[in-house]
Structure formats: structure tokens, C-alpha cells
Amino acid sequence: MASVSTVFVALAAVCWGLSGGIGGILMANGWDAFVVSFYRGSIGLLFVLVWLALRPRGSGLSSRRLWFWSAIAGLGVAGNFAFYFVSIAEGSVAVAATLMYCAPVFVYLVSFAFKLERPTPLKWAAISVVMLGVVLLTRIYDIGAGSVTPIGAGAGLLSGLSYALFIFGFKYAAPHGSPQAILVIAFSALVTILIWPGDADQTLAVLSTPSWPLFAALGTLGAGLSFILYIVGLKHTAPAVASIVAMIEPVTASLFGVVVLNENLVGLQIFGMGLILITVTALSVYSKQ
């Protein structure tokens, strides 16, 4: 059962990686980043609604705390989706996915600030290495490089910060209800939030566009199927193993960007990406031992 669960986690990571590439294709075709994010979440909501209908027991929907923390998780996942696609539009899939993978660093920093976890020299050293990797990956030291704009770099980091908020919200909601109930509330909050900043004409145009299969694939892989696979897989997967397997997401997204979208990275960017992926994975494994 443990091996099957690990495969579920790996499949979820692959789905998330592919969703970044699909979103990149849609935005290259002129679709607004917020519209793409809205439909990713909306289709995901349909999936988790079906999951909740099939498994209604222990939902906890009568708990106010469940609703509060699930709404916080929804705010986090809304920011994660939106900032991620803005980062892709302003830079590349590889850069955006890797910056988002910095989420555990933000979890540490928030935990330090609220004294939920004790800072150590090793943790600070790891965070410093990740920041160095961010500098190399985004090439902020070279203003004329043009590989990623300041908006792209900032949005990528904000997507990671937003994902950290989702993690906190989900963690504190979990004791009060089922995962499917939490995700239904979270994705409902996402849809409510992201309907406003998106282009209204494009939002309606998606319903009749020839590109609808890409939107369907984005929502299915990037929100519906992936979240269900990941949560089911986590039940029998060691947290340390899950942290390592999760590295499949930015790797998949980066390969998609290079192979399908003809993106390219220079040597120092690849080195920076390696620093981030290895350090964040090691940090996550260390924290869960």
C-alpha cells in the first residue's frame, strides 16, 4: 500500500508540473493569467464536490473553525494559482515552478516569526542557500538579461508564499473535518476571489472557445485529480518521502517549458535551480524526521 501511495504522490506532482506548461500555452495564446487561474480552480471545485458527495461522512461542515481555516487555505491556493501564472507570463515555466517550490522556506520563516518552530544555524544556512539560488535563477544581478522580469520573480516568490498560507490553513482545518470538505470550501473561496480580477469577456469566452480542451486538462490535472491523488497518497506515504517525490513537479514543469515551449536557461540559472531544489527538499526531509 505504501508503494501505491507513493505513486499517487508522484502522479500528483507530475500533474502539477504539466499544469504549469498547459497554462503557459494558454497565456501564450493570449488568455489572461487570472482567467486561466479561475478555470483551473473552478474545474478543481467540481472534482472535490463529487469526492465530497461520494464520501460525505465526517465532513465537519457544521464546524465554524473548519470554515474559517478552509477559507484561509482558499485564499492561499487562490494566490498560489494566480501568482504562479503571472510569473509564467512574465518569465518562464521553469523559473516560476522553481520559485514556487520555495514554499517550505516561507513556512519556516512564518514559523520562526510566530515562534512555532525554533530557528537553528542549519535552517538559516539552508534558507540562505535557497536565496542564493533564487538570485542565480532569476538573474536579478543582471538587469539586461531579460529572462525574467522583476514582476515575474516577485510573483513566483508570492506563489510560494501563498502556497505556504494554504499549507497552514489546511493544517489547522484538518482536525475539524474531512480533506474533501476542506478542499470544497477552499476552492469555493478561490472561485469567489478570482472571478473579480480576471477579464470578464475572456471569462465568458472560455465557454465557447476551441481552446476549451486545454482548460479542461488544466483544471483536471492542475486542481481536480492532482489534489485528490496527493491527499489520498499522503495517508500511507512517509512525509520525508513525499517531500522528495514532490521535486518531480518543478522538474516536470521545467522539462515541459524547454521541450514544448522552447524556453532555455543559462548555466548559472540551472545551477541556481539545482541549489533550490536540493536544499528545499533536504530542508523538508530534515523537518519531518
C-alpha atoms as a PDB file:
ATOM      1  CA  MET A   1       0.000   0.000   0.000  1.00  0.00           C
ATOM      2  CA  ALA A   2       2.875   2.355   0.800  1.00  0.00           C
ATOM      3  CA  SER A   3       4.370   1.943  -2.679  1.00  0.00           C
ATOM      4  CA  VAL A   4       0.997   2.604  -4.339  1.00  0.00           C
ATOM      5  CA  SER A   5       0.539   5.725  -2.203  1.00  0.00           C
ATOM      6  CA  THR A   6       3.977   6.998  -3.228  1.00  0.00           C
ATOM      7  CA  VAL A   7       2.964   6.519  -6.870  1.00  0.00           C
ATOM      8  CA  PHE A   8      -0.157   8.630  -6.175  1.00  0.00           C
ATOM      9  CA  VAL A   9       2.003  11.431  -4.745  1.00  0.00           C
ATOM     10  CA  ALA A  10       4.345  11.198  -7.747  1.00  0.00           C
ATOM     11  CA  LEU A  11       1.417  11.331 -10.186  1.00  0.00           C
ATOM     12  CA  ALA A  12       0.050  14.400  -8.400  1.00  0.00           C
ATOM     13  CA  ALA A  13       3.434  16.111  -8.743  1.00  0.00           C
ATOM     14  CA  VAL A  14       3.572  15.256 -12.459  1.00  0.00           C
ATOM     15  CA  CYS A  15       0.044  16.643 -12.912  1.00  0.00           C
ATOM     16  CA  TRP A  16       1.008  19.907 -11.205  1.00  0.00           C
ATOM     17  CA  GLY A  17       4.123  20.164 -13.352  1.00  0.00           C
ATOM     18  CA  LEU A  18       2.142  19.617 -16.544  1.00  0.00           C
ATOM     19  CA  SER A  19      -0.471  22.167 -15.477  1.00  0.00           C
ATOM     20  CA  GLY A  20       2.198  24.878 -15.457  1.00  0.00           C
ATOM     21  CA  GLY A  21       3.083  24.057 -19.041  1.00  0.00           C
ATOM     22  CA  ILE A  22      -0.554  23.951 -20.141  1.00  0.00           C
ATOM     23  CA  GLY A  23      -1.127  27.317 -18.504  1.00  0.00           C
ATOM     24  CA  GLY A  24       1.924  28.629 -20.344  1.00  0.00           C
ATOM     25  CA  ILE A  25       0.432  27.543 -23.665  1.00  0.00           C
ATOM     26  CA  LEU A  26      -2.891  29.216 -22.891  1.00  0.00           C
ATOM     27  CA  MET A  27      -1.268  32.507 -21.892  1.00  0.00           C
ATOM     28  CA  ALA A  28       0.972  32.410 -24.967  1.00  0.00           C
ATOM     29  CA  ASN A  29      -2.302  32.258 -26.932  1.00  0.00           C
ATOM     30  CA  GLY A  30      -3.476  35.476 -25.271  1.00  0.00           C
ATOM     31  CA  TRP A  31      -5.508  34.225 -22.315  1.00  0.00           C
ATOM     32  CA  ASP A  32      -5.335  36.294 -19.119  1.00  0.00           C
ATOM     33  CA  ALA A  33      -3.424  34.745 -16.186  1.00  0.00           C
ATOM     34  CA  PHE A  34      -6.335  35.328 -13.802  1.00  0.00           C
ATOM     35  CA  VAL A  35      -8.820  33.733 -16.199  1.00  0.00           C
ATOM     36  CA  VAL A  36      -6.562  30.695 -16.524  1.00  0.00           C
ATOM     37  CA  SER A  37      -6.273  30.508 -12.719  1.00  0.00           C
ATOM     38  CA  PHE A  38     -10.046  30.890 -12.271  1.00  0.00           C
ATOM     39  CA  TYR A  39     -10.845  27.960 -14.550  1.00  0.00           C
ATOM     40  CA  ARG A  40      -8.130  25.805 -13.014  1.00  0.00           C
ATOM     41  CA  GLY A  41      -9.800  26.280  -9.635  1.00  0.00           C
ATOM     42  CA  SER A  42     -13.383  26.057 -10.922  1.00  0.00           C
ATOM     43  CA  ILE A  43     -12.838  22.683 -12.563  1.00  0.00           C
ATOM     44  CA  GLY A  44     -10.985  21.539  -9.462  1.00  0.00           C
ATOM     45  CA  LEU A  45     -14.039  22.514  -7.409  1.00  0.00           C
ATOM     46  CA  LEU A  46     -16.245  20.209  -9.493  1.00  0.00           C
ATOM     47  CA  PHE A  47     -13.939  17.283  -8.760  1.00  0.00           C
ATOM     48  CA  VAL A  48     -13.833  17.808  -4.996  1.00  0.00           C
ATOM     49  CA  LEU A  49     -17.614  18.349  -4.878  1.00  0.00           C
ATOM     50  CA  VAL A  50     -18.040  14.880  -6.416  1.00  0.00           C
ATOM     51  CA  TRP A  51     -15.491  13.499  -3.923  1.00  0.00           C
ATOM     52  CA  LEU A  52     -17.417  15.007  -1.016  1.00  0.00           C
ATOM     53  CA  ALA A  53     -20.726  13.669  -2.373  1.00  0.00           C
ATOM     54  CA  LEU A  54     -19.251  10.163  -2.589  1.00  0.00           C
ATOM     55  CA  ARG A  55     -17.578  10.402   0.847  1.00  0.00           C
ATOM     56  CA  PRO A  56     -19.805  12.675   2.965  1.00  0.00           C
ATOM     57  CA  ARG A  57     -19.118  11.110   6.366  1.00  0.00           C
ATOM     58  CA  GLY A  58     -17.124  13.135   8.871  1.00  0.00           C
ATOM     59  CA  SER A  59     -17.193  16.257   6.697  1.00  0.00           C
ATOM     60  CA  GLY A  60     -17.338  18.612   9.679  1.00  0.00           C
ATOM     61  CA  LEU A  61     -19.240  21.198   7.647  1.00  0.00           C
ATOM     62  CA  SER A  62     -21.056  22.332  10.795  1.00  0.00           C
ATOM     63  CA  SER A  63     -17.758  23.466  12.358  1.00  0.00           C
ATOM     64  CA  ARG A  64     -17.028  27.190  12.235  1.00  0.00           C
ATOM     65  CA  ARG A  65     -13.327  26.529  12.659  1.00  0.00           C
ATOM     66  CA  LEU A  66     -13.370  24.272   9.612  1.00  0.00           C
ATOM     67  CA  TRP A  67     -14.924  27.052   7.544  1.00  0.00           C
ATOM     68  CA  PHE A  68     -12.515  29.691   8.838  1.00  0.00           C
ATOM     69  CA  TRP A  69      -9.292  27.757   8.283  1.00  0.00           C
ATOM     70  CA  SER A  70     -10.531  26.305   4.984  1.00  0.00           C
ATOM     71  CA  ALA A  71     -11.253  29.844   3.766  1.00  0.00           C
ATOM     72  CA  ILE A  72      -7.688  30.796   4.734  1.00  0.00           C
ATOM     73  CA  ALA A  73      -6.477  27.794   2.733  1.00  0.00           C
ATOM     74  CA  GLY A  74      -8.639  29.012  -0.169  1.00  0.00           C
ATOM     75  CA  LEU A  75      -7.031  32.445  -0.031  1.00  0.00           C
ATOM     76  CA  GLY A  76      -3.648  30.717  -0.168  1.00  0.00           C
ATOM     77  CA  VAL A  77      -4.455  28.474  -3.112  1.00  0.00           C
ATOM     78  CA  ALA A  78      -6.039  31.406  -4.998  1.00  0.00           C
ATOM     79  CA  GLY A  79      -2.832  33.402  -4.587  1.00  0.00           C
ATOM     80  CA  ASN A  80      -0.740  30.375  -5.475  1.00  0.00           C
ATOM     81  CA  PHE A  81      -2.550  29.739  -8.773  1.00  0.00           C
ATOM     82  CA  ALA A  82      -2.750  33.413  -9.785  1.00  0.00           C
ATOM     83  CA  PHE A  83       0.811  34.440  -8.895  1.00  0.00           C
ATOM     84  CA  TYR A  84       2.181  31.247 -10.454  1.00  0.00           C
ATOM     85  CA  PHE A  85       0.620  32.016 -13.831  1.00  0.00           C
ATOM     86  CA  VAL A  86       1.587  35.691 -13.645  1.00  0.00           C
ATOM     87  CA  SER A  87       5.160  34.542 -13.015  1.00  0.00           C
ATOM     88  CA  ILE A  88       4.997  32.230 -16.038  1.00  0.00           C
ATOM     89  CA  ALA A  89       3.636  35.059 -18.211  1.00  0.00           C
ATOM     90  CA  GLU A  90       6.436  37.387 -17.074  1.00  0.00           C
ATOM     91  CA  GLY A  91       9.234  34.827 -17.146  1.00  0.00           C
ATOM     92  CA  SER A  92       9.136  31.103 -17.841  1.00  0.00           C
ATOM     93  CA  VAL A  93       7.560  27.903 -16.590  1.00  0.00           C
ATOM     94  CA  ALA A  94      10.885  26.631 -15.221  1.00  0.00           C
ATOM     95  CA  VAL A  95      11.590  29.775 -13.195  1.00  0.00           C
ATOM     96  CA  ALA A  96       8.015  30.088 -11.886  1.00  0.00           C
ATOM     97  CA  ALA A  97       7.792  26.435 -10.835  1.00  0.00           C
ATOM     98  CA  THR A  98      11.137  26.526  -9.051  1.00  0.00           C
ATOM     99  CA  LEU A  99      10.334  29.763  -7.218  1.00  0.00           C
ATOM    100  CA  MET A 100       7.016  28.291  -6.107  1.00  0.00           C
ATOM    101  CA  TYR A 101       8.913  25.283  -4.775  1.00  0.00           C
ATOM    102  CA  CYS A 102      10.454  27.673  -2.208  1.00  0.00           C
ATOM    103  CA  ALA A 103       7.203  27.419  -0.207  1.00  0.00           C
ATOM    104  CA  PRO A 104       8.784  25.385   2.653  1.00  0.00           C
ATOM    105  CA  VAL A 105      11.228  28.257   3.227  1.00  0.00           C
ATOM    106  CA  PHE A 106       8.299  30.614   3.791  1.00  0.00           C
ATOM    107  CA  VAL A 107       6.715  28.060   6.135  1.00  0.00           C
ATOM    108  CA  TYR A 108       9.926  28.147   8.187  1.00  0.00           C
ATOM    109  CA  LEU A 109      10.080  31.944   8.235  1.00  0.00           C
ATOM    110  CA  VAL A 110       6.443  32.236   9.343  1.00  0.00           C
ATOM    111  CA  SER A 111       7.027  29.543  11.967  1.00  0.00           C
ATOM    112  CA  PHE A 112      10.057  31.467  13.241  1.00  0.00           C
ATOM    113  CA  ALA A 113       8.078  34.715  13.380  1.00  0.00           C
ATOM    114  CA  PHE A 114       5.221  33.163  15.373  1.00  0.00           C
ATOM    115  CA  LYS A 115       7.620  31.059  17.473  1.00  0.00           C
ATOM    116  CA  LEU A 116       6.040  27.839  16.247  1.00  0.00           C
ATOM    117  CA  GLU A 117       9.481  26.430  15.469  1.00  0.00           C
ATOM    118  CA  ARG A 118      12.952  27.088  16.838  1.00  0.00           C
ATOM    119  CA  PRO A 119      15.448  28.553  14.342  1.00  0.00           C
ATOM    120  CA  THR A 120      18.817  26.836  14.128  1.00  0.00           C
ATOM    121  CA  PRO A 121      22.065  27.730  12.306  1.00  0.00           C
ATOM    122  CA  LEU A 122      21.444  24.818   9.914  1.00  0.00           C
ATOM    123  CA  LYS A 123      17.997  26.078   8.966  1.00  0.00           C
ATOM    124  CA  TRP A 124      19.256  29.644   8.463  1.00  0.00           C
ATOM    125  CA  ALA A 125      22.108  28.324   6.321  1.00  0.00           C
ATOM    126  CA  ALA A 126      19.650  26.358   4.180  1.00  0.00           C
ATOM    127  CA  ILE A 127      17.422  29.408   3.759  1.00  0.00           C
ATOM    128  CA  SER A 128      20.466  31.471   2.724  1.00  0.00           C
ATOM    129  CA  VAL A 129      21.425  28.873   0.100  1.00  0.00           C
ATOM    130  CA  VAL A 130      17.882  28.957  -1.285  1.00  0.00           C
ATOM    131  CA  MET A 131      18.001  32.759  -1.518  1.00  0.00           C
ATOM    132  CA  LEU A 132      21.300  32.479  -3.402  1.00  0.00           C
ATOM    133  CA  GLY A 133      19.620  30.023  -5.748  1.00  0.00           C
ATOM    134  CA  VAL A 134      16.780  32.492  -6.305  1.00  0.00           C
ATOM    135  CA  VAL A 135      19.273  35.231  -7.221  1.00  0.00           C
ATOM    136  CA  LEU A 136      21.026  32.949  -9.736  1.00  0.00           C
ATOM    137  CA  LEU A 137      17.793  31.547 -11.185  1.00  0.00           C
ATOM    138  CA  THR A 138      16.096  34.908 -11.711  1.00  0.00           C
ATOM    139  CA  ARG A 139      19.342  36.690 -12.737  1.00  0.00           C
ATOM    140  CA  ILE A 140      18.349  39.790 -10.794  1.00  0.00           C
ATOM    141  CA  TYR A 141      22.060  40.666 -10.709  1.00  0.00           C
ATOM    142  CA  ASP A 142      21.938  41.226 -14.498  1.00  0.00           C
ATOM    143  CA  ILE A 143      19.351  43.919 -15.308  1.00  0.00           C
ATOM    144  CA  GLY A 144      19.753  43.454 -19.037  1.00  0.00           C
ATOM    145  CA  ALA A 145      19.399  39.683 -19.022  1.00  0.00           C
ATOM    146  CA  GLY A 146      15.679  39.867 -19.777  1.00  0.00           C
ATOM    147  CA  SER A 147      14.998  36.220 -18.899  1.00  0.00           C
ATOM    148  CA  VAL A 148      12.561  37.101 -16.140  1.00  0.00           C
ATOM    149  CA  THR A 149      11.108  40.462 -15.159  1.00  0.00           C
ATOM    150  CA  PRO A 150      11.009  41.774 -11.566  1.00  0.00           C
ATOM    151  CA  ILE A 151       7.244  41.166 -11.662  1.00  0.00           C
ATOM    152  CA  GLY A 152       7.854  37.586 -12.749  1.00  0.00           C
ATOM    153  CA  ALA A 153      10.379  36.983  -9.958  1.00  0.00           C
ATOM    154  CA  GLY A 154       8.182  38.639  -7.339  1.00  0.00           C
ATOM    155  CA  ALA A 155       5.067  36.755  -8.470  1.00  0.00           C
ATOM    156  CA  GLY A 156       6.960  33.459  -8.375  1.00  0.00           C
ATOM    157  CA  LEU A 157       8.009  34.061  -4.772  1.00  0.00           C
ATOM    158  CA  LEU A 158       4.495  35.213  -3.860  1.00  0.00           C
ATOM    159  CA  SER A 159       3.110  31.991  -5.313  1.00  0.00           C
ATOM    160  CA  GLY A 160       5.366  30.115  -2.894  1.00  0.00           C
ATOM    161  CA  LEU A 161       4.292  32.336  -0.017  1.00  0.00           C
ATOM    162  CA  SER A 162       0.645  31.782  -0.946  1.00  0.00           C
ATOM    163  CA  TYR A 163       1.177  28.028  -1.020  1.00  0.00           C
ATOM    164  CA  ALA A 164       2.662  28.278   2.473  1.00  0.00           C
ATOM    165  CA  LEU A 165      -0.563  30.014   3.544  1.00  0.00           C
ATOM    166  CA  PHE A 166      -2.550  27.147   2.019  1.00  0.00           C
ATOM    167  CA  ILE A 167      -0.441  24.648   3.989  1.00  0.00           C
ATOM    168  CA  PHE A 168      -1.124  26.479   7.263  1.00  0.00           C
ATOM    169  CA  GLY A 169      -4.841  26.802   6.533  1.00  0.00           C
ATOM    170  CA  PHE A 170      -5.193  23.147   5.579  1.00  0.00           C
ATOM    171  CA  LYS A 171      -3.189  22.021   8.629  1.00  0.00           C
ATOM    172  CA  TYR A 172      -5.401  23.878  11.090  1.00  0.00           C
ATOM    173  CA  ALA A 173      -8.624  22.919   9.288  1.00  0.00           C
ATOM    174  CA  ALA A 174      -7.772  19.190   9.186  1.00  0.00           C
ATOM    175  CA  PRO A 175      -8.740  18.385  12.813  1.00  0.00           C
ATOM    176  CA  HIS A 176     -12.229  19.768  12.242  1.00  0.00           C
ATOM    177  CA  GLY A 177     -13.341  17.954   9.086  1.00  0.00           C
ATOM    178  CA  SER A 178     -12.520  15.773   6.093  1.00  0.00           C
ATOM    179  CA  PRO A 179      -9.985  16.711   3.399  1.00  0.00           C
ATOM    180  CA  GLN A 180     -12.679  16.764   0.737  1.00  0.00           C
ATOM    181  CA  ALA A 181     -14.779  19.203   2.770  1.00  0.00           C
ATOM    182  CA  ILE A 182     -11.757  21.449   3.316  1.00  0.00           C
ATOM    183  CA  LEU A 183     -10.988  21.476  -0.410  1.00  0.00           C
ATOM    184  CA  VAL A 184     -14.612  22.220  -1.342  1.00  0.00           C
ATOM    185  CA  ILE A 185     -14.580  25.298   0.900  1.00  0.00           C
ATOM    186  CA  ALA A 186     -11.063  26.287  -0.212  1.00  0.00           C
ATOM    187  CA  PHE A 187     -11.839  26.030  -3.934  1.00  0.00           C
ATOM    188  CA  SER A 188     -15.165  27.830  -3.429  1.00  0.00           C
ATOM    189  CA  ALA A 189     -13.232  30.678  -1.815  1.00  0.00           C
ATOM    190  CA  LEU A 190     -10.765  30.604  -4.717  1.00  0.00           C
ATOM    191  CA  VAL A 191     -13.539  30.908  -7.308  1.00  0.00           C
ATOM    192  CA  THR A 192     -15.117  33.782  -5.377  1.00  0.00           C
ATOM    193  CA  ILE A 193     -11.800  35.629  -5.187  1.00  0.00           C
ATOM    194  CA  LEU A 194     -10.507  35.080  -8.728  1.00  0.00           C
ATOM    195  CA  ILE A 195     -13.732  35.922 -10.565  1.00  0.00           C
ATOM    196  CA  TRP A 196     -13.033  39.629  -9.907  1.00  0.00           C
ATOM    197  CA  PRO A 197      -9.533  40.393 -11.265  1.00  0.00           C
ATOM    198  CA  GLY A 198      -9.921  38.360 -14.467  1.00  0.00           C
ATOM    199  CA  ASP A 199     -11.029  39.786 -17.812  1.00  0.00           C
ATOM    200  CA  ALA A 200     -14.845  39.400 -17.856  1.00  0.00           C
ATOM    201  CA  ASP A 201     -15.072  38.985 -21.642  1.00  0.00           C
ATOM    202  CA  GLN A 202     -12.398  36.286 -21.643  1.00  0.00           C
ATOM    203  CA  THR A 203     -14.043  34.510 -18.712  1.00  0.00           C
ATOM    204  CA  LEU A 204     -17.234  34.129 -20.763  1.00  0.00           C
ATOM    205  CA  ALA A 205     -15.354  33.399 -23.996  1.00  0.00           C
ATOM    206  CA  VAL A 206     -13.755  30.280 -22.480  1.00  0.00           C
ATOM    207  CA  LEU A 207     -17.156  28.555 -22.572  1.00  0.00           C
ATOM    208  CA  SER A 208     -17.197  28.603 -26.390  1.00  0.00           C
ATOM    209  CA  THR A 209     -13.507  28.702 -27.302  1.00  0.00           C
ATOM    210  CA  PRO A 210     -11.773  25.965 -29.339  1.00  0.00           C
ATOM    211  CA  SER A 211      -9.177  26.025 -26.538  1.00  0.00           C
ATOM    212  CA  TRP A 212     -11.615  24.533 -24.020  1.00  0.00           C
ATOM    213  CA  PRO A 213      -9.889  21.093 -24.049  1.00  0.00           C
ATOM    214  CA  LEU A 214      -6.733  22.790 -22.720  1.00  0.00           C
ATOM    215  CA  PHE A 215      -8.743  24.488 -19.970  1.00  0.00           C
ATOM    216  CA  ALA A 216     -10.345  21.147 -19.128  1.00  0.00           C
ATOM    217  CA  ALA A 217      -6.948  19.457 -18.982  1.00  0.00           C
ATOM    218  CA  LEU A 218      -5.564  22.282 -16.863  1.00  0.00           C
ATOM    219  CA  GLY A 219      -8.360  22.033 -14.297  1.00  0.00           C
ATOM    220  CA  THR A 220      -8.328  18.238 -14.232  1.00  0.00           C
ATOM    221  CA  LEU A 221      -4.566  17.839 -13.899  1.00  0.00           C
ATOM    222  CA  GLY A 222      -3.779  21.036 -12.021  1.00  0.00           C
ATOM    223  CA  ALA A 223      -6.527  21.015  -9.394  1.00  0.00           C
ATOM    224  CA  GLY A 224      -9.086  18.207  -9.537  1.00  0.00           C
ATOM    225  CA  LEU A 225      -7.276  14.918  -9.981  1.00  0.00           C
ATOM    226  CA  SER A 226      -3.924  16.074  -8.576  1.00  0.00           C
ATOM    227  CA  PHE A 227      -5.179  17.269  -5.177  1.00  0.00           C
ATOM    228  CA  ILE A 228      -7.200  14.092  -4.674  1.00  0.00           C
ATOM    229  CA  LEU A 229      -4.251  11.864  -5.627  1.00  0.00           C
ATOM    230  CA  TYR A 230      -1.903  13.819  -3.366  1.00  0.00           C
ATOM    231  CA  ILE A 231      -4.147  13.711  -0.272  1.00  0.00           C
ATOM    232  CA  VAL A 232      -5.008  10.023  -0.727  1.00  0.00           C
ATOM    233  CA  GLY A 233      -1.341   9.234  -1.337  1.00  0.00           C
ATOM    234  CA  LEU A 234      -0.172  11.079   1.778  1.00  0.00           C
ATOM    235  CA  LYS A 235      -2.169   8.713   4.018  1.00  0.00           C
ATOM    236  CA  HIS A 236       0.377   5.925   3.550  1.00  0.00           C
ATOM    237  CA  THR A 237       3.476   7.858   2.427  1.00  0.00           C
ATOM    238  CA  ALA A 238       6.171   8.962   4.851  1.00  0.00           C
ATOM    239  CA  PRO A 239       6.394  12.788   4.930  1.00  0.00           C
ATOM    240  CA  ALA A 240      10.119  12.683   4.110  1.00  0.00           C
ATOM    241  CA  VAL A 241       9.444  10.522   1.054  1.00  0.00           C
ATOM    242  CA  ALA A 242       6.624  12.837  -0.035  1.00  0.00           C
ATOM    243  CA  SER A 243       8.984  15.822   0.199  1.00  0.00           C
ATOM    244  CA  ILE A 244      11.487  14.154  -2.119  1.00  0.00           C
ATOM    245  CA  VAL A 245       8.834  12.947  -4.575  1.00  0.00           C
ATOM    246  CA  ALA A 246       7.359  16.465  -4.721  1.00  0.00           C
ATOM    247  CA  MET A 247      10.517  17.600  -6.527  1.00  0.00           C
ATOM    248  CA  ILE A 248       9.031  15.916  -9.605  1.00  0.00           C
ATOM    249  CA  GLU A 249       6.733  18.937 -10.039  1.00  0.00           C
ATOM    250  CA  PRO A 250       9.315  21.658 -10.829  1.00  0.00           C
ATOM    251  CA  VAL A 251      11.392  19.170 -12.827  1.00  0.00           C
ATOM    252  CA  THR A 252       8.361  18.195 -14.937  1.00  0.00           C
ATOM    253  CA  ALA A 253       7.385  21.844 -15.419  1.00  0.00           C
ATOM    254  CA  SER A 254      10.932  22.779 -16.417  1.00  0.00           C
ATOM    255  CA  LEU A 255      11.186  19.944 -18.948  1.00  0.00           C
ATOM    256  CA  PHE A 256       7.798  20.929 -20.404  1.00  0.00           C
ATOM    257  CA  GLY A 257       8.980  24.521 -20.755  1.00  0.00           C
ATOM    258  CA  VAL A 258      12.193  23.518 -22.503  1.00  0.00           C
ATOM    259  CA  VAL A 259      10.777  20.798 -24.782  1.00  0.00           C
ATOM    260  CA  VAL A 260       7.325  22.185 -25.650  1.00  0.00           C
ATOM    261  CA  LEU A 261       7.603  25.957 -25.120  1.00  0.00           C
ATOM    262  CA  ASN A 262      11.213  26.285 -26.343  1.00  0.00           C
ATOM    263  CA  GLU A 263      12.352  28.006 -23.144  1.00  0.00           C
ATOM    264  CA  ASN A 264      16.026  27.997 -22.254  1.00  0.00           C
ATOM    265  CA  LEU A 265      18.138  28.505 -19.149  1.00  0.00           C
ATOM    266  CA  VAL A 266      21.781  29.579 -18.950  1.00  0.00           C
ATOM    267  CA  GLY A 267      24.319  27.684 -16.864  1.00  0.00           C
ATOM    268  CA  LEU A 268      24.058  29.803 -13.716  1.00  0.00           C
ATOM    269  CA  GLN A 269      20.264  29.566 -13.800  1.00  0.00           C
ATOM    270  CA  ILE A 270      20.449  25.775 -13.939  1.00  0.00           C
ATOM    271  CA  PHE A 271      22.921  25.838 -11.043  1.00  0.00           C
ATOM    272  CA  GLY A 272      20.578  28.120  -9.070  1.00  0.00           C
ATOM    273  CA  MET A 273      17.659  25.800  -9.786  1.00  0.00           C
ATOM    274  CA  GLY A 274      19.693  22.872  -8.504  1.00  0.00           C
ATOM    275  CA  LEU A 275      20.567  24.745  -5.305  1.00  0.00           C
ATOM    276  CA  ILE A 276      16.903  25.486  -4.648  1.00  0.00           C
ATOM    277  CA  LEU A 277      15.547  22.017  -5.413  1.00  0.00           C
ATOM    278  CA  ILE A 278      18.188  20.109  -3.455  1.00  0.00           C
ATOM    279  CA  THR A 279      18.207  22.451  -0.453  1.00  0.00           C
ATOM    280  CA  VAL A 280      14.431  22.771  -0.137  1.00  0.00           C
ATOM    281  CA  THR A 281      14.000  19.003  -0.440  1.00  0.00           C
ATOM    282  CA  ALA A 282      16.683  18.376   2.191  1.00  0.00           C
ATOM    283  CA  LEU A 283      15.129  21.017   4.450  1.00  0.00           C
ATOM    284  CA  SER A 284      11.697  19.422   4.132  1.00  0.00           C
ATOM    285  CA  VAL A 285      13.040  15.932   4.836  1.00  0.00           C
ATOM    286  CA  TYR A 286      15.025  17.201   7.839  1.00  0.00           C
ATOM    287  CA  SER A 287      11.984  18.942   9.320  1.00  0.00           C
ATOM    288  CA  LYS A 288       9.835  15.790   9.099  1.00  0.00           C
ATOM    289  CA  GLN A 289      12.240  13.338  10.662  1.00  0.00           C
END
